[in-house]
């Protein structure tokens, strides 16, 4: 019996047994009652988006919001901000739309972490940044990303 004949016979057996997936040669799908996404732990990198940081920041914040919506809130997100990414919080002091987007994500549990090395290099303090508290400052942005990955966070850099 050749391969095509075997497939036809198996398909006929599948129909006779009431197995439509086997009859059509398709894989069975998971029941629709199961959620598509399971709980996720994610670290986003924000190091700016030259030449148009504001457009990049808007996209970044939009992607994070879309991530929360797609997972139905079953996600823990930390955003590690360093280098030019810290400008998001400088700009948000003057830009009500950026401030509103940051506040909205914080209200959904997103944690924004700021690199102390960057603060020192840019001669900034947490008070110079929109909504940043001393507890939001980590010693090193890149080391923080590695630390979070070691704790099971998935790394994203949109």
N, C-alpha and C. Protein backbone atom coordinates (compact mmCIF):
# COMPACT_ATOMS: atom_id res chain seq x y z
N UNK A 1 0.86 -1.16 0.00
CA UNK A 1 0.00 0.00 0.00
C UNK A 1 0.91 1.23 0.00
N UNK A 2 0.65 2.18 -0.91
CA UNK A 2 1.50 3.37 -0.96
C UNK A 2 1.05 4.41 0.06
N UNK A 3 1.81 5.48 0.18
CA UNK A 3 1.56 6.51 1.21
C UNK A 3 0.20 7.14 1.05
N UNK A 4 -0.21 7.46 -0.16
CA UNK A 4 -1.51 8.10 -0.39
C UNK A 4 -2.63 7.16 0.03
N UNK A 5 -2.52 5.89 -0.30
CA UNK A 5 -3.55 4.92 0.08
C UNK A 5 -3.64 4.81 1.59
N UNK A 6 -2.50 4.80 2.27
CA UNK A 6 -2.51 4.73 3.73
C UNK A 6 -3.22 5.93 4.32
N UNK A 7 -2.97 7.13 3.79
CA UNK A 7 -3.59 8.35 4.29
C UNK A 7 -5.11 8.27 4.09
N UNK A 8 -5.54 7.81 2.94
CA UNK A 8 -6.97 7.70 2.67
C UNK A 8 -7.62 6.71 3.62
N UNK A 9 -6.97 5.55 3.83
CA UNK A 9 -7.51 4.54 4.73
C UNK A 9 -7.56 5.09 6.16
N UNK A 10 -6.47 5.75 6.61
CA UNK A 10 -6.47 6.33 7.96
C UNK A 10 -7.56 7.39 8.08
N UNK A 11 -7.76 8.19 7.05
CA UNK A 11 -8.81 9.19 7.06
C UNK A 11 -10.18 8.56 7.16
N UNK A 12 -10.38 7.46 6.45
CA UNK A 12 -11.68 6.79 6.50
C UNK A 12 -11.91 6.19 7.89
N UNK A 13 -10.84 5.64 8.47
CA UNK A 13 -10.96 5.10 9.82
C UNK A 13 -11.30 6.22 10.79
N UNK A 14 -10.63 7.39 10.62
CA UNK A 14 -10.89 8.54 11.48
C UNK A 14 -12.34 8.99 11.38
N UNK A 15 -12.91 9.02 10.18
CA UNK A 15 -14.32 9.41 10.02
C UNK A 15 -15.21 8.39 10.70
N UNK A 16 -14.90 7.11 10.52
CA UNK A 16 -15.70 6.05 11.12
C UNK A 16 -15.65 6.09 12.64
N UNK A 17 -14.54 6.57 13.20
CA UNK A 17 -14.41 6.64 14.66
C UNK A 17 -14.86 8.01 15.21
N UNK A 18 -15.31 8.87 14.31
CA UNK A 18 -15.74 10.19 14.74
C UNK A 18 -14.58 11.10 15.11
N UNK A 19 -13.46 10.93 14.45
CA UNK A 19 -12.29 11.75 14.71
C UNK A 19 -12.04 12.67 13.52
N UNK A 20 -12.72 13.80 13.43
CA UNK A 20 -12.60 14.64 12.25
C UNK A 20 -11.18 15.18 12.04
N UNK A 21 -10.43 15.42 13.09
CA UNK A 21 -9.07 15.89 12.91
C UNK A 21 -8.22 14.88 12.18
N UNK A 22 -8.36 13.61 12.52
CA UNK A 22 -7.60 12.56 11.86
C UNK A 22 -8.07 12.41 10.42
N UNK A 23 -9.35 12.52 10.21
CA UNK A 23 -9.90 12.35 8.86
C UNK A 23 -9.39 13.44 7.94
N UNK A 24 -9.21 14.64 8.44
CA UNK A 24 -8.78 15.75 7.59
C UNK A 24 -7.27 15.93 7.62
N UNK A 25 -6.57 15.13 8.41
CA UNK A 25 -5.12 15.26 8.50
C UNK A 25 -4.69 16.50 9.26
N UNK A 26 -5.54 17.00 10.16
CA UNK A 26 -5.24 18.22 10.92
C UNK A 26 -4.91 17.87 12.37
N UNK A 27 -4.08 18.70 12.96
CA UNK A 27 -3.78 18.54 14.39
C UNK A 27 -4.98 19.02 15.20
N UNK A 28 -5.21 18.39 16.33
CA UNK A 28 -6.30 18.80 17.19
C UNK A 28 -5.94 20.10 17.88
N UNK A 29 -6.91 20.98 18.03
CA UNK A 29 -6.72 22.26 18.68
C UNK A 29 -7.04 22.14 20.16
N UNK A 30 -6.40 22.98 20.97
CA UNK A 30 -6.70 23.01 22.40
C UNK A 30 -8.12 23.55 22.58
N UNK A 31 -8.78 23.13 23.62
CA UNK A 31 -10.13 23.64 23.87
C UNK A 31 -10.13 25.17 23.95
N UNK A 32 -11.18 25.79 23.45
CA UNK A 32 -11.28 27.24 23.40
C UNK A 32 -11.34 27.86 24.79
N UNK A 33 -11.64 27.09 25.81
CA UNK A 33 -11.75 27.63 27.16
C UNK A 33 -10.39 27.93 27.78
N UNK A 34 -9.33 27.38 27.24
CA UNK A 34 -7.99 27.61 27.76
C UNK A 34 -7.51 29.00 27.30
N UNK A 35 -6.93 29.81 28.20
CA UNK A 35 -6.39 31.11 27.77
C UNK A 35 -5.18 30.87 26.86
N UNK A 36 -5.02 31.73 25.90
CA UNK A 36 -3.91 31.58 24.96
C UNK A 36 -2.58 31.89 25.63
N UNK A 37 -2.54 32.96 26.45
CA UNK A 37 -1.30 33.33 27.12
C UNK A 37 -1.36 32.95 28.60
N UNK A 38 -0.26 32.44 29.09
CA UNK A 38 -0.12 32.17 30.53
C UNK A 38 0.63 33.36 31.14
N UNK A 39 0.71 33.40 32.46
CA UNK A 39 1.38 34.50 33.15
C UNK A 39 2.81 34.65 32.64
N UNK A 40 3.21 35.91 32.41
CA UNK A 40 4.54 36.21 31.89
C UNK A 40 5.26 37.20 32.81
N UNK A 41 6.57 37.08 32.84
CA UNK A 41 7.43 38.05 33.51
C UNK A 41 8.38 38.59 32.44
N UNK A 42 8.33 39.91 32.23
CA UNK A 42 9.03 40.50 31.10
C UNK A 42 9.83 41.73 31.54
N UNK A 43 11.03 41.87 30.99
CA UNK A 43 11.82 43.08 31.17
C UNK A 43 12.01 43.73 29.80
N UNK A 44 11.57 44.97 29.70
CA UNK A 44 11.76 45.77 28.49
C UNK A 44 12.99 46.65 28.68
N UNK A 45 13.78 46.79 27.63
CA UNK A 45 14.93 47.69 27.64
C UNK A 45 14.51 49.00 26.98
N UNK A 46 14.79 50.12 27.63
CA UNK A 46 14.60 51.43 27.03
C UNK A 46 15.92 52.19 27.12
N UNK A 47 16.59 52.29 25.98
CA UNK A 47 17.81 53.09 25.92
C UNK A 47 17.68 54.20 24.89
N UNK A 48 16.44 54.60 24.63
CA UNK A 48 16.17 55.70 23.73
C UNK A 48 16.00 55.24 22.30
N UNK A 49 15.58 56.16 21.48
CA UNK A 49 15.32 55.84 20.08
C UNK A 49 15.69 56.97 19.16
N UNK A 50 16.97 57.22 19.06
CA UNK A 50 17.47 58.27 18.19
C UNK A 50 17.04 57.99 16.76
N UNK A 51 16.69 58.91 15.92
CA UNK A 51 16.80 60.36 16.09
C UNK A 51 15.55 61.01 16.70
N UNK A 52 14.46 60.29 16.83
CA UNK A 52 13.22 60.87 17.35
C UNK A 52 12.81 60.13 18.61
N UNK A 53 13.40 60.53 19.72
CA UNK A 53 13.13 59.85 20.99
C UNK A 53 11.64 59.87 21.33
N UNK A 54 10.96 61.00 21.11
CA UNK A 54 9.55 61.07 21.50
C UNK A 54 8.72 60.03 20.74
N UNK A 55 8.94 59.88 19.45
CA UNK A 55 8.20 58.86 18.68
C UNK A 55 8.51 57.47 19.20
N UNK A 56 9.78 57.21 19.52
CA UNK A 56 10.17 55.91 20.07
C UNK A 56 9.49 55.68 21.42
N UNK A 57 9.52 56.68 22.29
CA UNK A 57 8.91 56.52 23.62
C UNK A 57 7.41 56.25 23.49
N UNK A 58 6.75 56.96 22.58
CA UNK A 58 5.31 56.71 22.37
C UNK A 58 5.06 55.28 21.91
N UNK A 59 5.89 54.79 20.98
CA UNK A 59 5.73 53.41 20.51
C UNK A 59 5.99 52.42 21.63
N UNK A 60 7.05 52.65 22.39
CA UNK A 60 7.40 51.76 23.51
C UNK A 60 6.24 51.67 24.50
N UNK A 61 5.71 52.80 24.91
CA UNK A 61 4.63 52.81 25.88
C UNK A 61 3.38 52.16 25.31
N UNK A 62 3.13 52.38 24.02
CA UNK A 62 1.99 51.73 23.36
C UNK A 62 2.17 50.21 23.34
N UNK A 63 3.37 49.73 23.00
CA UNK A 63 3.64 48.29 22.96
C UNK A 63 3.43 47.65 24.33
N UNK A 64 3.88 48.34 25.37
CA UNK A 64 3.71 47.80 26.72
C UNK A 64 2.23 47.71 27.06
N UNK A 65 1.47 48.74 26.73
CA UNK A 65 0.02 48.70 26.96
C UNK A 65 -0.65 47.59 26.18
N UNK A 66 -0.23 47.39 24.94
CA UNK A 66 -0.79 46.32 24.11
C UNK A 66 -0.42 44.95 24.69
N UNK A 67 0.77 44.83 25.25
CA UNK A 67 1.22 43.58 25.87
C UNK A 67 0.31 43.25 27.06
N UNK A 68 0.03 44.23 27.88
CA UNK A 68 -0.86 44.03 29.04
C UNK A 68 -2.24 43.61 28.57
N UNK A 69 -2.76 44.28 27.54
CA UNK A 69 -4.09 43.95 27.02
C UNK A 69 -4.12 42.54 26.44
N UNK A 70 -3.09 42.16 25.69
CA UNK A 70 -3.06 40.84 25.04
C UNK A 70 -3.03 39.71 26.06
N UNK A 71 -2.37 39.94 27.17
CA UNK A 71 -2.26 38.90 28.20
C UNK A 71 -3.37 39.01 29.23
N UNK A 72 -4.30 39.91 28.99
CA UNK A 72 -5.41 40.14 29.93
C UNK A 72 -4.87 40.47 31.32
N UNK A 73 -3.75 41.22 31.34
CA UNK A 73 -3.16 41.64 32.60
C UNK A 73 -2.35 40.58 33.32
N UNK A 74 -2.21 39.41 32.72
CA UNK A 74 -1.45 38.32 33.36
C UNK A 74 0.03 38.46 33.01
N UNK A 75 0.62 39.58 33.45
CA UNK A 75 2.00 39.85 33.11
C UNK A 75 2.60 40.76 34.18
N UNK A 76 3.86 40.54 34.46
CA UNK A 76 4.63 41.40 35.35
C UNK A 76 5.71 42.04 34.49
N UNK A 77 5.68 43.36 34.39
CA UNK A 77 6.60 44.07 33.48
C UNK A 77 7.46 45.05 34.26
N UNK A 78 8.77 44.97 33.99
CA UNK A 78 9.72 45.97 34.45
C UNK A 78 10.35 46.59 33.21
N UNK A 79 10.46 47.91 33.20
CA UNK A 79 11.11 48.62 32.10
C UNK A 79 12.39 49.21 32.65
N UNK A 80 13.52 48.75 32.13
CA UNK A 80 14.81 49.25 32.58
C UNK A 80 15.24 50.36 31.64
N UNK A 81 15.42 51.56 32.22
CA UNK A 81 15.72 52.77 31.46
C UNK A 81 17.15 53.20 31.72
N UNK A 82 17.93 53.33 30.66
CA UNK A 82 19.31 53.79 30.81
C UNK A 82 19.71 54.54 29.56
N UNK A 83 20.87 55.19 29.62
CA UNK A 83 21.37 56.01 28.51
C UNK A 83 20.28 57.00 28.08
N UNK A 84 20.05 57.14 26.78
CA UNK A 84 19.06 58.11 26.29
C UNK A 84 17.63 57.75 26.69
N UNK A 85 17.40 56.54 27.16
CA UNK A 85 16.07 56.15 27.60
C UNK A 85 15.58 56.93 28.80
N UNK A 86 16.51 57.45 29.60
CA UNK A 86 16.14 58.24 30.77
C UNK A 86 15.48 59.55 30.35
N UNK A 87 15.74 59.99 29.11
CA UNK A 87 15.11 61.21 28.62
C UNK A 87 13.59 61.12 28.62
N UNK A 88 13.04 59.91 28.58
CA UNK A 88 11.59 59.74 28.67
C UNK A 88 11.06 60.47 29.90
N UNK A 89 11.73 60.34 31.02
CA UNK A 89 11.27 60.91 32.28
C UNK A 89 11.61 62.39 32.41
N UNK A 90 12.63 62.85 31.69
CA UNK A 90 12.92 64.27 31.61
C UNK A 90 11.83 64.94 30.77
N UNK A 91 11.52 64.35 29.64
CA UNK A 91 10.50 64.90 28.73
C UNK A 91 9.11 64.87 29.36
N UNK A 92 8.81 63.83 30.14
CA UNK A 92 7.48 63.69 30.73
C UNK A 92 7.19 64.79 31.75
N UNK A 93 8.21 65.43 32.27
CA UNK A 93 7.98 66.55 33.20
C UNK A 93 7.29 67.71 32.49
N UNK A 94 7.50 67.82 31.17
CA UNK A 94 6.92 68.91 30.38
C UNK A 94 5.83 68.42 29.43
N UNK A 95 5.75 67.13 29.19
CA UNK A 95 4.83 66.56 28.20
C UNK A 95 3.72 65.78 28.90
N UNK A 96 2.54 66.38 28.95
CA UNK A 96 1.42 65.77 29.69
C UNK A 96 1.02 64.42 29.10
N UNK A 97 1.14 64.24 27.78
CA UNK A 97 0.77 62.96 27.16
C UNK A 97 1.70 61.83 27.59
N UNK A 98 3.00 62.10 27.61
CA UNK A 98 3.95 61.09 28.08
C UNK A 98 3.71 60.78 29.55
N UNK A 99 3.49 61.82 30.35
CA UNK A 99 3.25 61.62 31.78
C UNK A 99 2.00 60.77 32.00
N UNK A 100 0.96 61.05 31.25
CA UNK A 100 -0.29 60.28 31.37
C UNK A 100 -0.08 58.82 31.00
N UNK A 101 0.69 58.57 29.93
CA UNK A 101 0.96 57.20 29.50
C UNK A 101 1.77 56.44 30.56
N UNK A 102 2.76 57.11 31.13
CA UNK A 102 3.57 56.48 32.19
C UNK A 102 2.68 56.16 33.40
N UNK A 103 1.88 57.14 33.81
CA UNK A 103 0.99 56.94 34.96
C UNK A 103 0.01 55.80 34.72
N UNK A 104 -0.53 55.73 33.50
CA UNK A 104 -1.49 54.66 33.18
C UNK A 104 -0.86 53.28 33.28
N UNK A 105 0.38 53.16 32.82
CA UNK A 105 1.07 51.87 32.90
C UNK A 105 1.46 51.53 34.33
N UNK A 106 1.89 52.54 35.08
CA UNK A 106 2.20 52.30 36.50
C UNK A 106 0.97 51.78 37.23
N UNK A 107 -0.19 52.36 36.90
CA UNK A 107 -1.44 51.95 37.54
C UNK A 107 -1.77 50.49 37.23
N UNK A 108 -1.23 49.97 36.13
CA UNK A 108 -1.44 48.57 35.75
C UNK A 108 -0.31 47.68 36.24
N UNK A 109 0.56 48.22 37.08
CA UNK A 109 1.61 47.42 37.70
C UNK A 109 2.97 47.45 37.04
N UNK A 110 3.13 48.24 35.98
CA UNK A 110 4.43 48.31 35.31
C UNK A 110 5.41 49.06 36.21
N UNK A 111 6.59 48.51 36.32
CA UNK A 111 7.64 49.13 37.15
C UNK A 111 8.69 49.73 36.23
N UNK A 112 8.98 51.02 36.40
CA UNK A 112 10.00 51.70 35.62
C UNK A 112 11.24 51.86 36.48
N UNK A 113 12.34 51.25 36.05
CA UNK A 113 13.60 51.28 36.79
C UNK A 113 14.60 52.18 36.05
N UNK A 114 15.37 52.94 36.82
CA UNK A 114 16.29 53.92 36.25
C UNK A 114 17.72 53.56 36.64
N UNK A 115 18.62 53.64 35.66
CA UNK A 115 20.03 53.31 35.86
C UNK A 115 20.75 54.44 36.60
N UNK A 116 21.35 54.11 37.74
CA UNK A 116 22.11 55.10 38.50
C UNK A 116 23.35 55.57 37.75
N UNK A 117 23.99 54.68 37.01
CA UNK A 117 25.16 55.09 36.22
C UNK A 117 24.78 56.20 35.24
N UNK A 118 23.61 56.05 34.62
CA UNK A 118 23.14 57.07 33.68
C UNK A 118 22.85 58.38 34.42
N UNK A 119 22.18 58.28 35.58
CA UNK A 119 21.89 59.49 36.34
C UNK A 119 23.18 60.24 36.67
N UNK A 120 24.20 59.52 37.12
CA UNK A 120 25.48 60.17 37.44
C UNK A 120 26.11 60.78 36.19
N UNK A 121 26.09 60.04 35.09
CA UNK A 121 26.68 60.54 33.85
C UNK A 121 25.96 61.76 33.30
N UNK A 122 24.64 61.82 33.49
CA UNK A 122 23.86 62.96 32.99
C UNK A 122 23.68 64.04 34.06
N UNK A 123 24.29 63.82 35.23
CA UNK A 123 24.19 64.76 36.36
C UNK A 123 22.73 65.05 36.71
N UNK A 124 21.95 63.96 36.87
CA UNK A 124 20.53 64.06 37.22
C UNK A 124 20.29 63.38 38.56
N UNK A 125 19.19 63.74 39.20
CA UNK A 125 18.73 63.06 40.41
C UNK A 125 17.32 62.55 40.13
N UNK A 126 16.80 61.64 40.94
CA UNK A 126 15.41 61.21 40.75
C UNK A 126 14.43 62.38 40.72
N UNK A 127 14.70 63.43 41.47
CA UNK A 127 13.81 64.60 41.50
C UNK A 127 13.75 65.31 40.14
N UNK A 128 14.76 65.13 39.30
CA UNK A 128 14.78 65.75 37.97
C UNK A 128 13.91 64.99 36.98
N UNK A 129 13.43 63.82 37.37
CA UNK A 129 12.70 62.94 36.47
C UNK A 129 11.23 62.82 36.88
N UNK A 130 10.36 62.68 35.91
CA UNK A 130 8.93 62.59 36.19
C UNK A 130 8.58 61.32 36.96
N UNK A 131 8.05 61.50 38.16
CA UNK A 131 7.52 60.38 38.94
C UNK A 131 8.52 59.37 39.43
N UNK A 132 9.81 59.66 39.36
CA UNK A 132 10.83 58.70 39.76
C UNK A 132 11.18 58.91 41.24
N UNK A 133 11.15 57.82 41.97
CA UNK A 133 11.49 57.83 43.40
C UNK A 133 12.84 57.12 43.58
N UNK A 134 13.52 57.38 44.67
CA UNK A 134 14.81 56.72 44.90
C UNK A 134 14.72 55.19 44.80
N UNK A 135 13.59 54.60 45.19
CA UNK A 135 13.43 53.14 45.10
C UNK A 135 13.41 52.63 43.66
N UNK A 136 13.19 53.53 42.70
CA UNK A 136 13.14 53.14 41.28
C UNK A 136 14.54 53.06 40.66
N UNK A 137 15.54 53.51 41.39
CA UNK A 137 16.90 53.59 40.86
C UNK A 137 17.64 52.29 41.16
N UNK A 138 18.26 51.72 40.12
CA UNK A 138 19.08 50.51 40.25
C UNK A 138 20.53 50.89 39.93
N UNK A 139 21.50 50.15 40.47
CA UNK A 139 22.90 50.52 40.25
C UNK A 139 23.31 50.60 38.78
N UNK A 140 22.87 49.63 37.98
CA UNK A 140 23.28 49.55 36.58
C UNK A 140 22.12 49.02 35.74
N UNK A 141 21.78 49.72 34.68
CA UNK A 141 20.69 49.28 33.82
C UNK A 141 20.95 47.94 33.16
N UNK A 142 22.13 47.79 32.56
CA UNK A 142 22.41 46.54 31.85
C UNK A 142 22.53 45.37 32.84
N UNK A 143 23.13 45.64 33.99
CA UNK A 143 23.23 44.57 34.99
C UNK A 143 21.85 44.21 35.53
N UNK A 144 20.95 45.18 35.62
CA UNK A 144 19.59 44.91 36.09
C UNK A 144 18.84 44.00 35.11
N UNK A 145 19.03 44.25 33.83
CA UNK A 145 18.39 43.39 32.82
C UNK A 145 18.89 41.96 32.99
N UNK A 146 20.20 41.78 33.15
CA UNK A 146 20.75 40.44 33.34
C UNK A 146 20.23 39.81 34.63
N UNK A 147 20.12 40.60 35.70
CA UNK A 147 19.61 40.09 36.97
C UNK A 147 18.17 39.60 36.81
N UNK A 148 17.35 40.39 36.14
CA UNK A 148 15.95 40.00 35.95
C UNK A 148 15.84 38.77 35.05
N UNK A 149 16.67 38.68 34.02
CA UNK A 149 16.66 37.48 33.18
C UNK A 149 17.01 36.26 34.01
N UNK A 150 17.93 36.40 34.93
CA UNK A 150 18.31 35.30 35.81
C UNK A 150 17.17 34.88 36.72
N UNK A 151 16.22 35.79 36.94
CA UNK A 151 15.05 35.48 37.76
C UNK A 151 13.87 34.98 36.92
N UNK A 152 14.13 34.74 35.62
CA UNK A 152 13.09 34.17 34.77
C UNK A 152 12.34 35.16 33.90
N UNK A 153 12.72 36.42 33.90
CA UNK A 153 12.08 37.41 33.03
C UNK A 153 12.52 37.19 31.58
N UNK A 154 11.62 37.41 30.67
CA UNK A 154 11.93 37.37 29.24
C UNK A 154 12.34 38.77 28.83
N UNK A 155 13.39 38.89 28.02
CA UNK A 155 13.94 40.18 27.60
C UNK A 155 13.31 40.63 26.29
N UNK A 156 12.86 41.90 26.26
CA UNK A 156 12.33 42.49 25.03
C UNK A 156 12.96 43.86 24.82
N UNK A 157 13.32 44.13 23.59
CA UNK A 157 13.82 45.45 23.21
C UNK A 157 13.14 45.85 21.91
N UNK A 158 11.96 46.49 22.03
CA UNK A 158 11.22 46.84 20.80
C UNK A 158 11.89 47.96 20.02
